[in-house]
Amino acid sequence: MAVKKAIKKVAKKGVKKGDVYKCSVCGLAITVDEVCGCVDTCDIICCEKQMKPKK
């Protein structure tokens, strides 16, 4: 008999209200006021690069 292995799904951190993102190119920072509710993770793009969460 073949044994099936369980596949674990990696949970992606979603964008939450109040999160701050900063562009690594120009320094523009944004704060999330409203969450879109998309099933997939949305990318926040500035200067043709994905913005990263500000720490």
PDB file of N, CA and C in Angstrom:
ATOM      1  N   MET A   1       0.822  -1.202   0.000  1.00  0.00           N
ATOM      2  CA  MET A   1       0.000   0.000   0.000  1.00  0.00           C
ATOM      3  C   MET A   1       0.860   1.257   0.000  1.00  0.00           C
ATOM      4  N   ALA A   2       0.410   2.235  -0.712  1.00  0.00           N
ATOM      5  CA  ALA A   2       1.109   3.522  -0.753  1.00  0.00           C
ATOM      6  C   ALA A   2       0.579   4.405   0.371  1.00  0.00           C
ATOM      7  N   VAL A   3       1.490   5.055   1.052  1.00  0.00           N
ATOM      8  CA  VAL A   3       1.110   5.955   2.147  1.00  0.00           C
ATOM      9  C   VAL A   3       1.174   7.390   1.632  1.00  0.00           C
ATOM     10  N   LYS A   4       0.075   8.109   1.804  1.00  0.00           N
ATOM     11  CA  LYS A   4       0.046   9.505   1.377  1.00  0.00           C
ATOM     12  C   LYS A   4       0.600  10.382   2.480  1.00  0.00           C
ATOM     13  N   LYS A   5       1.441  11.322   2.101  1.00  0.00           N
ATOM     14  CA  LYS A   5       2.001  12.267   3.059  1.00  0.00           C
ATOM     15  C   LYS A   5       1.128  13.509   3.095  1.00  0.00           C
ATOM     16  N   ALA A   6       0.912  14.019   4.272  1.00  0.00           N
ATOM     17  CA  ALA A   6       0.121  15.244   4.413  1.00  0.00           C
ATOM     18  C   ALA A   6       0.948  16.431   3.946  1.00  0.00           C
ATOM     19  N   ILE A   7       0.342  17.283   3.162  1.00  0.00           N
ATOM     20  CA  ILE A   7       1.013  18.487   2.668  1.00  0.00           C
ATOM     21  C   ILE A   7       0.578  19.648   3.548  1.00  0.00           C
ATOM     22  N   LYS A   8       1.543  20.306   4.143  1.00  0.00           N
ATOM     23  CA  LYS A   8       1.240  21.451   4.991  1.00  0.00           C
ATOM     24  C   LYS A   8       1.224  22.710   4.144  1.00  0.00           C
ATOM     25  N   LYS A   9       0.193  23.509   4.306  1.00  0.00           N
ATOM     26  CA  LYS A   9       0.125  24.784   3.604  1.00  0.00           C
ATOM     27  C   LYS A   9       0.805  25.840   4.457  1.00  0.00           C
ATOM     28  N   VAL A  10       1.607  26.638   3.818  1.00  0.00           N
ATOM     29  CA  VAL A  10       2.293  27.719   4.514  1.00  0.00           C
ATOM     30  C   VAL A  10       1.362  28.919   4.534  1.00  0.00           C
ATOM     31  N   ALA A  11       1.065  29.393   5.723  1.00  0.00           N
ATOM     32  CA  ALA A  11       0.185  30.553   5.855  1.00  0.00           C
ATOM     33  C   ALA A  11       0.971  31.820   5.559  1.00  0.00           C
ATOM     34  N   LYS A  12       0.439  32.633   4.659  1.00  0.00           N
ATOM     35  CA  LYS A  12       1.072  33.906   4.350  1.00  0.00           C
ATOM     36  C   LYS A  12       0.491  34.969   5.267  1.00  0.00           C
ATOM     37  N   LYS A  13       1.347  35.841   5.694  1.00  0.00           N
ATOM     38  CA  LYS A  13       0.879  36.940   6.530  1.00  0.00           C
ATOM     39  C   LYS A  13       0.068  37.887   5.669  1.00  0.00           C
ATOM     40  N   GLY A  14      -1.131  38.160   6.080  1.00  0.00           N
ATOM     41  CA  GLY A  14      -1.992  39.063   5.332  1.00  0.00           C
ATOM     42  C   GLY A  14      -1.760  40.504   5.736  1.00  0.00           C
ATOM     43  N   VAL A  15      -2.217  41.393   4.914  1.00  0.00           N
ATOM     44  CA  VAL A  15      -2.127  42.816   5.206  1.00  0.00           C
ATOM     45  C   VAL A  15      -3.243  43.159   6.177  1.00  0.00           C
ATOM     46  N   LYS A  16      -2.919  43.897   7.207  1.00  0.00           N
ATOM     47  CA  LYS A  16      -3.896  44.282   8.219  1.00  0.00           C
ATOM     48  C   LYS A  16      -4.008  45.795   8.294  1.00  0.00           C
ATOM     49  N   LYS A  17      -5.144  46.263   8.769  1.00  0.00           N
ATOM     50  CA  LYS A  17      -5.352  47.696   8.941  1.00  0.00           C
ATOM     51  C   LYS A  17      -4.296  48.227   9.908  1.00  0.00           C
ATOM     52  N   GLY A  18      -3.657  49.322   9.525  1.00  0.00           N
ATOM     53  CA  GLY A  18      -2.624  49.933  10.358  1.00  0.00           C
ATOM     54  C   GLY A  18      -1.208  49.519   9.995  1.00  0.00           C
ATOM     55  N   ASP A  19      -1.041  48.489   9.141  1.00  0.00           N
ATOM     56  CA  ASP A  19       0.297  48.085   8.706  1.00  0.00           C
ATOM     57  C   ASP A  19       0.940  49.208   7.908  1.00  0.00           C
ATOM     58  N   VAL A  20       2.251  49.360   8.046  1.00  0.00           N
ATOM     59  CA  VAL A  20       2.993  50.402   7.331  1.00  0.00           C
ATOM     60  C   VAL A  20       3.972  49.722   6.375  1.00  0.00           C
ATOM     61  N   TYR A  21       3.985  50.183   5.122  1.00  0.00           N
ATOM     62  CA  TYR A  21       4.893  49.667   4.103  1.00  0.00           C
ATOM     63  C   TYR A  21       5.749  50.805   3.594  1.00  0.00           C
ATOM     64  N   LYS A  22       7.031  50.491   3.259  1.00  0.00           N
ATOM     65  CA  LYS A  22       7.960  51.524   2.809  1.00  0.00           C
ATOM     66  C   LYS A  22       8.657  51.060   1.542  1.00  0.00           C
ATOM     67  N   CYS A  23       8.809  51.982   0.593  1.00  0.00           N
ATOM     68  CA  CYS A  23       9.516  51.712  -0.658  1.00  0.00           C
ATOM     69  C   CYS A  23      11.023  51.784  -0.392  1.00  0.00           C
ATOM     70  N   SER A  24      11.746  50.752  -0.830  1.00  0.00           N
ATOM     71  CA  SER A  24      13.198  50.728  -0.621  1.00  0.00           C
ATOM     72  C   SER A  24      13.937  51.616  -1.612  1.00  0.00           C
ATOM     73  N   VAL A  25      13.252  52.106  -2.664  1.00  0.00           N
ATOM     74  CA  VAL A  25      13.893  52.944  -3.671  1.00  0.00           C
ATOM     75  C   VAL A  25      13.747  54.427  -3.328  1.00  0.00           C
ATOM     76  N   CYS A  26      12.483  54.885  -3.177  1.00  0.00           N
ATOM     77  CA  CYS A  26      12.257  56.326  -2.985  1.00  0.00           C
ATOM     78  C   CYS A  26      11.943  56.715  -1.540  1.00  0.00           C
ATOM     79  N   GLY A  27      11.637  55.728  -0.698  1.00  0.00           N
ATOM     80  CA  GLY A  27      11.368  56.017   0.702  1.00  0.00           C
ATOM     81  C   GLY A  27       9.918  56.335   1.034  1.00  0.00           C
ATOM     82  N   LEU A  28       9.031  56.308   0.038  1.00  0.00           N
ATOM     83  CA  LEU A  28       7.616  56.564   0.278  1.00  0.00           C
ATOM     84  C   LEU A  28       7.069  55.525   1.260  1.00  0.00           C
ATOM     85  N   ALA A  29       6.322  55.969   2.264  1.00  0.00           N
ATOM     86  CA  ALA A  29       5.718  55.058   3.233  1.00  0.00           C
ATOM     87  C   ALA A  29       4.204  55.198   3.162  1.00  0.00           C
ATOM     88  N   ILE A  30       3.501  54.071   3.263  1.00  0.00           N
ATOM     89  CA  ILE A  30       2.043  54.091   3.254  1.00  0.00           C
ATOM     90  C   ILE A  30       1.521  53.338   4.472  1.00  0.00           C
ATOM     91  N   THR A  31       0.326  53.716   4.917  1.00  0.00           N
ATOM     92  CA  THR A  31      -0.355  53.023   6.008  1.00  0.00           C
ATOM     93  C   THR A  31      -1.649  52.455   5.445  1.00  0.00           C
ATOM     94  N   VAL A  32      -1.942  51.193   5.755  1.00  0.00           N
ATOM     95  CA  VAL A  32      -3.153  50.547   5.269  1.00  0.00           C
ATOM     96  C   VAL A  32      -4.337  51.045   6.094  1.00  0.00           C
ATOM     97  N   ASP A  33      -5.307  51.675   5.408  1.00  0.00           N
ATOM     98  CA  ASP A  33      -6.519  52.174   6.058  1.00  0.00           C
ATOM     99  C   ASP A  33      -7.672  51.199   5.908  1.00  0.00           C
ATOM    100  N   GLU A  34      -7.693  50.479   4.775  1.00  0.00           N
ATOM    101  CA  GLU A  34      -8.790  49.583   4.477  1.00  0.00           C
ATOM    102  C   GLU A  34      -8.237  48.326   3.819  1.00  0.00           C
ATOM    103  N   VAL A  35      -8.628  47.147   4.312  1.00  0.00           N
ATOM    104  CA  VAL A  35      -8.163  45.883   3.762  1.00  0.00           C
ATOM    105  C   VAL A  35      -9.097  45.482   2.627  1.00  0.00           C
ATOM    106  N   CYS A  36      -8.520  45.016   1.510  1.00  0.00           N
ATOM    107  CA  CYS A  36      -9.315  44.714   0.323  1.00  0.00           C
ATOM    108  C   CYS A  36     -10.139  43.435   0.453  1.00  0.00           C
ATOM    109  N   GLY A  37      -9.682  42.464   1.225  1.00  0.00           N
ATOM    110  CA  GLY A  37     -10.422  41.222   1.403  1.00  0.00           C
ATOM    111  C   GLY A  37     -10.180  40.197   0.307  1.00  0.00           C
ATOM    112  N   CYS A  38      -9.153  40.363  -0.499  1.00  0.00           N
ATOM    113  CA  CYS A  38      -8.826  39.397  -1.553  1.00  0.00           C
ATOM    114  C   CYS A  38      -8.426  38.060  -0.935  1.00  0.00           C
ATOM    115  N   VAL A  39      -8.662  36.988  -1.675  1.00  0.00           N
ATOM    116  CA  VAL A  39      -8.285  35.657  -1.212  1.00  0.00           C
ATOM    117  C   VAL A  39      -6.769  35.510  -1.250  1.00  0.00           C
ATOM    118  N   ASP A  40      -6.160  35.966  -2.344  1.00  0.00           N
ATOM    119  CA  ASP A  40      -4.706  35.900  -2.485  1.00  0.00           C
ATOM    120  C   ASP A  40      -4.073  37.141  -1.872  1.00  0.00           C
ATOM    121  N   THR A  41      -2.790  37.051  -1.608  1.00  0.00           N
ATOM    122  CA  THR A  41      -2.055  38.192  -1.089  1.00  0.00           C
ATOM    123  C   THR A  41      -1.864  39.226  -2.187  1.00  0.00           C
ATOM    124  N   CYS A  42      -2.131  40.479  -1.879  1.00  0.00           N
ATOM    125  CA  CYS A  42      -1.950  41.566  -2.849  1.00  0.00           C
ATOM    126  C   CYS A  42      -0.566  42.175  -2.670  1.00  0.00           C
ATOM    127  N   ASP A  43       0.045  42.529  -3.772  1.00  0.00           N
ATOM    128  CA  ASP A  43       1.346  43.185  -3.740  1.00  0.00           C
ATOM    129  C   ASP A  43       1.139  44.690  -3.780  1.00  0.00           C
ATOM    130  N   ILE A  44       1.905  45.409  -2.991  1.00  0.00           N
ATOM    131  CA  ILE A  44       1.875  46.869  -3.004  1.00  0.00           C
ATOM    132  C   ILE A  44       3.156  47.295  -3.713  1.00  0.00           C
ATOM    133  N   ILE A  45       2.995  47.902  -4.894  1.00  0.00           N
ATOM    134  CA  ILE A  45       4.124  48.204  -5.771  1.00  0.00           C
ATOM    135  C   ILE A  45       4.411  49.699  -5.816  1.00  0.00           C
ATOM    136  N   CYS A  46       5.702  50.054  -5.745  1.00  0.00           N
ATOM    137  CA  CYS A  46       6.167  51.425  -5.904  1.00  0.00           C
ATOM    138  C   CYS A  46       7.532  51.343  -6.586  1.00  0.00           C
ATOM    139  N   CYS A  47       7.801  52.245  -7.502  1.00  0.00           N
ATOM    140  CA  CYS A  47       9.081  52.258  -8.240  1.00  0.00           C
ATOM    141  C   CYS A  47       9.379  50.892  -8.866  1.00  0.00           C
ATOM    142  N   GLU A  48       8.313  50.224  -9.342  1.00  0.00           N
ATOM    143  CA  GLU A  48       8.394  48.926 -10.001  1.00  0.00           C
ATOM    144  C   GLU A  48       8.944  47.817  -9.102  1.00  0.00           C
ATOM    145  N   LYS A  49       8.890  47.995  -7.768  1.00  0.00           N
ATOM    146  CA  LYS A  49       9.332  46.971  -6.819  1.00  0.00           C
ATOM    147  C   LYS A  49       8.276  46.823  -5.727  1.00  0.00           C
ATOM    148  N   GLN A  50       8.194  45.617  -5.171  1.00  0.00           N
ATOM    149  CA  GLN A  50       7.231  45.356  -4.102  1.00  0.00           C
ATOM    150  C   GLN A  50       7.671  46.083  -2.821  1.00  0.00           C
ATOM    151  N   MET A  51       6.719  46.786  -2.207  1.00  0.00           N
ATOM    152  CA  MET A  51       7.024  47.494  -0.952  1.00  0.00           C
ATOM    153  C   MET A  51       7.124  46.475   0.177  1.00  0.00           C
ATOM    154  N   LYS A  52       7.978  46.756   1.136  1.00  0.00           N
ATOM    155  CA  LYS A  52       8.199  45.855   2.269  1.00  0.00           C
ATOM    156  C   LYS A  52       7.631  46.447   3.541  1.00  0.00           C
ATOM    157  N   PRO A  53       7.165  45.578   4.451  1.00  0.00           N
ATOM    158  CA  PRO A  53       6.636  46.095   5.734  1.00  0.00           C
ATOM    159  C   PRO A  53       7.724  46.861   6.481  1.00  0.00           C
ATOM    160  N   LYS A  54       7.351  48.002   7.041  1.00  0.00           N
ATOM    161  CA  LYS A  54       8.289  48.812   7.809  1.00  0.00           C
ATOM    162  C   LYS A  54       8.362  48.238   9.212  1.00  0.00           C
ATOM    163  N   LYS A  55       9.568  48.104   9.711  1.00  0.00           N
ATOM    164  CA  LYS A  55       9.749  47.526  11.059  1.00  0.00           C
ATOM    165  C   LYS A  55       9.881  48.592  12.092  1.00  0.00           C
TER     166      LYS A  55
END
